[in-house]
PDB file of all heavy atoms in Angstrom:
ATOM      1  N   GLY A   1     108.582  98.752 109.481  1.00  0.00           N
ATOM      2  CA  GLY A   1     107.734  98.207 110.452  1.00  0.00           C
ATOM      3  C   GLY A   1     106.269  98.364 110.090  1.00  0.00           C
ATOM      4  O   GLY A   1     105.376  97.635 110.559  1.00  0.00           O
ATOM      5  N   HIS A   2     105.900  99.117 109.060  1.00  0.00           N
ATOM      6  CA  HIS A   2     104.549  99.292 108.611  1.00  0.00           C
ATOM      7  C   HIS A   2     104.212  98.406 107.490  1.00  0.00           C
ATOM      8  O   HIS A   2     103.170  98.464 106.960  1.00  0.00           O
ATOM      9  CB  HIS A   2     104.252 100.732 108.284  1.00  0.00           C
ATOM     10  CG  HIS A   2     105.123 101.222 107.102  1.00  0.00           C
ATOM     11  ND1 HIS A   2     106.520 101.294 107.213  1.00  0.00           N
ATOM     12  CD2 HIS A   2     104.816 101.725 105.877  1.00  0.00           C
ATOM     13  CE1 HIS A   2     106.949 101.763 106.081  1.00  0.00           C
ATOM     14  NE2 HIS A   2     105.949 102.009 105.261  1.00  0.00           N
ATOM     15  N   ARG A   3     105.141  97.544 107.006  1.00  0.00           N
ATOM     16  CA  ARG A   3     105.068  96.747 105.777  1.00  0.00           C
ATOM     17  C   ARG A   3     105.201  95.291 106.104  1.00  0.00           C
ATOM     18  O   ARG A   3     105.537  94.480 105.213  1.00  0.00           O
ATOM     19  CB  ARG A   3     105.980  97.236 104.691  1.00  0.00           C
ATOM     20  CG  ARG A   3     105.910  98.688 104.372  1.00  0.00           C
ATOM     21  CD  ARG A   3     104.703  98.970 103.523  1.00  0.00           C
ATOM     22  NE  ARG A   3     105.066  99.000 102.087  1.00  0.00           N
ATOM     23  CZ  ARG A   3     104.165  99.132 101.124  1.00  0.00           C
ATOM     24  NH1 ARG A   3     102.869  99.182 101.490  1.00  0.00           N
ATOM     25  NH2 ARG A   3     104.422  99.059  99.899  1.00  0.00           N
ATOM     26  N   LEU A   4     105.028  94.886 107.356  1.00  0.00           N
ATOM     27  CA  LEU A   4     105.393  93.517 107.774  1.00  0.00           C
ATOM     28  C   LEU A   4     104.590  92.481 106.958  1.00  0.00           C
ATOM     29  O   LEU A   4     105.151  91.382 106.637  1.00  0.00           O
ATOM     30  CB  LEU A   4     104.954  93.310 109.311  1.00  0.00           C
ATOM     31  CG  LEU A   4     105.601  94.275 110.297  1.00  0.00           C
ATOM     32  CD1 LEU A   4     105.179  93.937 111.635  1.00  0.00           C
ATOM     33  CD2 LEU A   4     107.188  94.275 110.143  1.00  0.00           C
ATOM     34  N   HIS A   5     103.389  92.702 106.622  1.00  0.00           N
ATOM     35  CA  HIS A   5     102.530  91.730 105.996  1.00  0.00           C
ATOM     36  C   HIS A   5     102.241  91.959 104.526  1.00  0.00           C
ATOM     37  O   HIS A   5     101.385  91.327 104.023  1.00  0.00           O
ATOM     38  CB  HIS A   5     101.184  91.621 106.821  1.00  0.00           C
ATOM     39  CG  HIS A   5     101.404  91.355 108.277  1.00  0.00           C
ATOM     40  ND1 HIS A   5     101.987  90.212 108.716  1.00  0.00           N
ATOM     41  CD2 HIS A   5     101.236  92.156 109.391  1.00  0.00           C
ATOM     42  CE1 HIS A   5     102.126  90.238 110.098  1.00  0.00           C
ATOM     43  NE2 HIS A   5     101.574  91.443 110.520  1.00  0.00           N
ATOM     44  N   HIS A   6     103.168  92.672 103.949  1.00  0.00           N
ATOM     45  CA  HIS A   6     103.114  92.926 102.478  1.00  0.00           C
ATOM     46  C   HIS A   6     103.903  91.786 101.797  1.00  0.00           C
ATOM     47  O   HIS A   6     105.027  91.433 102.232  1.00  0.00           O
ATOM     48  CB  HIS A   6     103.581  94.333 102.044  1.00  0.00           C
ATOM     49  CG  HIS A   6     102.593  95.353 102.485  1.00  0.00           C
ATOM     50  ND1 HIS A   6     102.352  95.682 103.815  1.00  0.00           N
ATOM     51  CD2 HIS A   6     101.697  96.072 101.760  1.00  0.00           C
ATOM     52  CE1 HIS A   6     101.469  96.704 103.843  1.00  0.00           C
ATOM     53  NE2 HIS A   6     101.053  96.924 102.648  1.00  0.00           N
ATOM     54  N   PHE A   7     103.474  91.370 100.630  1.00  0.00           N
ATOM     55  CA  PHE A   7     104.184  90.455  99.876  1.00  0.00           C
ATOM     56  C   PHE A   7     105.162  91.181  98.981  1.00  0.00           C
ATOM     57  O   PHE A   7     105.017  92.429  98.700  1.00  0.00           O
ATOM     58  CB  PHE A   7     103.230  89.605  98.981  1.00  0.00           C
ATOM     59  CG  PHE A   7     102.468  88.641  99.695  1.00  0.00           C
ATOM     60  CD1 PHE A   7     101.105  88.986 100.061  1.00  0.00           C
ATOM     61  CD2 PHE A   7     102.824  87.397 100.068  1.00  0.00           C
ATOM     62  CE1 PHE A   7     100.334  88.135 100.796  1.00  0.00           C
ATOM     63  CE2 PHE A   7     102.116  86.460 100.765  1.00  0.00           C
ATOM     64  CZ  PHE A   7     100.886  86.860 101.129  1.00  0.00           C
ATOM     65  N   PRO A   8     106.249  90.623  98.454  1.00  0.00           N
ATOM     66  CA  PRO A   8     107.250  91.330  97.593  1.00  0.00           C
ATOM     67  C   PRO A   8     106.617  92.094  96.491  1.00  0.00           C
ATOM     68  O   PRO A   8     107.064  93.218  96.170  1.00  0.00           O
ATOM     69  CB  PRO A   8     108.197  90.172  97.125  1.00  0.00           C
ATOM     70  CG  PRO A   8     108.129  89.190  98.310  1.00  0.00           C
ATOM     71  CD  PRO A   8     106.734  89.187  98.747  1.00  0.00           C
ATOM     72  N   ALA A   9     105.599  91.462  95.784  1.00  0.00           N
ATOM     73  CA  ALA A   9     105.027  92.173  94.676  1.00  0.00           C
ATOM     74  C   ALA A   9     104.293  93.441  95.025  1.00  0.00           C
ATOM     75  O   ALA A   9     104.026  94.305  94.214  1.00  0.00           O
ATOM     76  CB  ALA A   9     104.033  91.208  93.987  1.00  0.00           C
ATOM     77  N   GLN A  10     104.049  93.619  96.373  1.00  0.00           N
ATOM     78  CA  GLN A  10     103.395  94.775  96.836  1.00  0.00           C
ATOM     79  C   GLN A  10     104.392  95.913  97.382  1.00  0.00           C
ATOM     80  O   GLN A  10     103.941  96.914  97.833  1.00  0.00           O
ATOM     81  CB  GLN A  10     102.391  94.417  97.994  1.00  0.00           C
ATOM     82  CG  GLN A  10     101.279  93.495  97.515  1.00  0.00           C
ATOM     83  CD  GLN A  10     100.529  93.061  98.769  1.00  0.00           C
ATOM     84  OE1 GLN A  10     101.066  92.563  99.755  1.00  0.00           O
ATOM     85  NE2 GLN A  10      99.206  93.084  98.665  1.00  0.00           N
ATOM     86  N   LEU A  11     105.652  95.629  97.255  1.00  0.00           N
ATOM     87  CA  LEU A  11     106.733  96.464  97.646  1.00  0.00           C
ATOM     88  C   LEU A  11     107.560  96.995  96.465  1.00  0.00           C
ATOM     89  O   LEU A  11     107.634  96.424  95.478  1.00  0.00           O
ATOM     90  CB  LEU A  11     107.660  95.720  98.581  1.00  0.00           C
ATOM     91  CG  LEU A  11     107.037  95.012  99.863  1.00  0.00           C
ATOM     92  CD1 LEU A  11     108.152  94.185 100.564  1.00  0.00           C
ATOM     93  CD2 LEU A  11     106.501  96.057 100.760  1.00  0.00           C
ATOM     94  N   SER A  12     107.987  98.214  96.654  1.00  0.00           N
ATOM     95  CA  SER A  12     108.864  98.869  95.712  1.00  0.00           C
ATOM     96  C   SER A  12     110.212  98.054  95.656  1.00  0.00           C
ATOM     97  O   SER A  12     110.544  97.263  96.551  1.00  0.00           O
ATOM     98  CB  SER A  12     109.143 100.264  95.953  1.00  0.00           C
ATOM     99  OG  SER A  12     109.920 100.387  97.171  1.00  0.00           O
ATOM    100  N   GLY A  13     111.041  98.347  94.687  1.00  0.00           N
ATOM    101  CA  GLY A  13     112.399  97.697  94.600  1.00  0.00           C
ATOM    102  C   GLY A  13     113.236  98.026  95.803  1.00  0.00           C
ATOM    103  O   GLY A  13     113.883  97.181  96.432  1.00  0.00           O
ATOM    104  N   GLY A  14     113.222  99.352  96.277  1.00  0.00           N
ATOM    105  CA  GLY A  14     113.975  99.673  97.434  1.00  0.00           C
ATOM    106  C   GLY A  14     113.395  99.107  98.700  1.00  0.00           C
ATOM    107  O   GLY A  14     114.211  98.665  99.540  1.00  0.00           O
ATOM    108  N   GLU A  15     112.110  98.863  98.833  1.00  0.00           N
ATOM    109  CA  GLU A  15     111.642  98.231  99.973  1.00  0.00           C
ATOM    110  C   GLU A  15     111.902  96.739 100.026  1.00  0.00           C
ATOM    111  O   GLU A  15     112.202  96.155 100.968  1.00  0.00           O
ATOM    112  CB  GLU A  15     109.996  98.423  99.995  1.00  0.00           C
ATOM    113  CG  GLU A  15     109.633  99.811 100.322  1.00  0.00           C
ATOM    114  CD  GLU A  15     108.106 100.016 100.151  1.00  0.00           C
ATOM    115  OE1 GLU A  15     107.527  99.382  99.308  1.00  0.00           O
ATOM    116  OE2 GLU A  15     107.632 100.881 100.851  1.00  0.00           O
ATOM    117  N   GLN A  16     111.937  96.090  98.844  1.00  0.00           N
ATOM    118  CA  GLN A  16     112.305  94.711  98.737  1.00  0.00           C
ATOM    119  C   GLN A  16     113.752  94.513  99.103  1.00  0.00           C
ATOM    120  O   GLN A  16     114.139  93.553  99.895  1.00  0.00           O
ATOM    121  CB  GLN A  16     112.112  94.187  97.300  1.00  0.00           C
ATOM    122  CG  GLN A  16     110.612  94.052  96.855  1.00  0.00           C
ATOM    123  CD  GLN A  16     110.527  93.356  95.585  1.00  0.00           C
ATOM    124  OE1 GLN A  16     110.963  92.280  95.240  1.00  0.00           O
ATOM    125  NE2 GLN A  16     109.843  94.107  94.701  1.00  0.00           N
ATOM    126  N   GLN A  17     114.608  95.407  98.663  1.00  0.00           N
ATOM    127  CA  GLN A  17     116.032  95.274  99.159  1.00  0.00           C
ATOM    128  C   GLN A  17     116.240  95.524 100.576  1.00  0.00           C
ATOM    129  O   GLN A  17     116.999  94.826 101.233  1.00  0.00           O
ATOM    130  CB  GLN A  17     116.871  96.334  98.296  1.00  0.00           C
ATOM    131  CG  GLN A  17     118.408  96.241  98.570  1.00  0.00           C
ATOM    132  CD  GLN A  17     118.958  94.880  98.147  1.00  0.00           C
ATOM    133  OE1 GLN A  17     118.571  93.779  98.584  1.00  0.00           O
ATOM    134  NE2 GLN A  17     120.003  94.947  97.236  1.00  0.00           N
ATOM    135  N   ARG A  18     115.366  96.358 101.203  1.00  0.00           N
ATOM    136  CA  ARG A  18     115.466  96.637 102.606  1.00  0.00           C
ATOM    137  C   ARG A  18     114.900  95.371 103.380  1.00  0.00           C
ATOM    138  O   ARG A  18     115.401  95.064 104.521  1.00  0.00           O
ATOM    139  CB  ARG A  18     114.664  97.949 103.021  1.00  0.00           C
ATOM    140  CG  ARG A  18     115.539  99.078 102.773  1.00  0.00           C
ATOM    141  CD  ARG A  18     114.877 100.326 103.365  1.00  0.00           C
ATOM    142  NE  ARG A  18     113.793 100.890 102.493  1.00  0.00           N
ATOM    143  CZ  ARG A  18     112.849 101.652 102.936  1.00  0.00           C
ATOM    144  NH1 ARG A  18     112.725 101.990 104.247  1.00  0.00           N
ATOM    145  NH2 ARG A  18     111.937 102.059 102.098  1.00  0.00           N
ATOM    146  N   VAL A  19     114.009  94.647 102.852  1.00  0.00           N
ATOM    147  CA  VAL A  19     113.549  93.378 103.421  1.00  0.00           C
ATOM    148  C   VAL A  19     114.793  92.409 103.405  1.00  0.00           C
ATOM    149  O   VAL A  19     115.089  91.760 104.361  1.00  0.00           O
ATOM    150  CB  VAL A  19     112.353  92.810 102.673  1.00  0.00           C
ATOM    151  CG1 VAL A  19     112.106  91.317 103.191  1.00  0.00           C
ATOM    152  CG2 VAL A  19     111.162  93.656 102.881  1.00  0.00           C
ATOM    153  N   ALA A  20     115.490  92.367 102.304  1.00  0.00           N
ATOM    154  CA  ALA A  20     116.637  91.566 102.161  1.00  0.00           C
ATOM    155  C   ALA A  20     117.710  91.945 103.191  1.00  0.00           C
ATOM    156  O   ALA A  20     118.343  91.046 103.863  1.00  0.00           O
ATOM    157  CB  ALA A  20     117.224  91.575 100.748  1.00  0.00           C
ATOM    158  N   VAL A  21     117.894  93.255 103.477  1.00  0.00           N
ATOM    159  CA  VAL A  21     118.783  93.733 104.507  1.00  0.00           C
ATOM    160  C   VAL A  21     118.312  93.309 105.874  1.00  0.00           C
ATOM    161  O   VAL A  21     119.117  92.664 106.693  1.00  0.00           O
ATOM    162  CB  VAL A  21     118.978  95.209 104.454  1.00  0.00           C
ATOM    163  CG1 VAL A  21     119.808  95.688 105.589  1.00  0.00           C
ATOM    164  CG2 VAL A  21     119.616  95.617 103.180  1.00  0.00           C
ATOM    165  N   ALA A  22     117.037  93.423 106.157  1.00  0.00           N
ATOM    166  CA  ALA A  22     116.467  92.956 107.389  1.00  0.00           C
ATOM    167  C   ALA A  22     116.663  91.509 107.595  1.00  0.00           C
ATOM    168  O   ALA A  22     117.004  91.119 108.708  1.00  0.00           O
ATOM    169  CB  ALA A  22     114.978  93.342 107.556  1.00  0.00           C
ATOM    170  N   ARG A  23     116.486  90.679 106.662  1.00  0.00           N
ATOM    171  CA  ARG A  23     116.669  89.285 106.719  1.00  0.00           C
ATOM    172  C   ARG A  23     118.065  88.926 107.029  1.00  0.00           C
ATOM    173  O   ARG A  23     118.416  88.126 107.817  1.00  0.00           O
ATOM    174  CB  ARG A  23     116.281  88.610 105.409  1.00  0.00           C
ATOM    175  CG  ARG A  23     116.368  87.041 105.374  1.00  0.00           C
ATOM    176  CD  ARG A  23     115.864  86.479 104.115  1.00  0.00           C
ATOM    177  NE  ARG A  23     116.598  87.068 102.898  1.00  0.00           N
ATOM    178  CZ  ARG A  23     116.261  86.854 101.636  1.00  0.00           C
ATOM    179  NH1 ARG A  23     115.191  86.124 101.406  1.00  0.00           N
ATOM    180  NH2 ARG A  23     117.010  87.336 100.739  1.00  0.00           N
ATOM    181  N   ALA A  24     119.038  89.712 106.408  1.00  0.00           N
ATOM    182  CA  ALA A  24     120.450  89.430 106.711  1.00  0.00           C
ATOM    183  C   ALA A  24     120.974  89.783 108.088  1.00  0.00           C
ATOM    184  O   ALA A  24     121.630  89.152 108.676  1.00  0.00           O
ATOM    185  CB  ALA A  24     121.295  90.161 105.678  1.00  0.00           C
TER     186      ALA A  24
END
């Protein structure tokens, strides 16, 4: 919830995967 406006390049690998989970 604190990373809503970050781009993928600004996120760690685990955070990017959790965005993918949120999208799903």
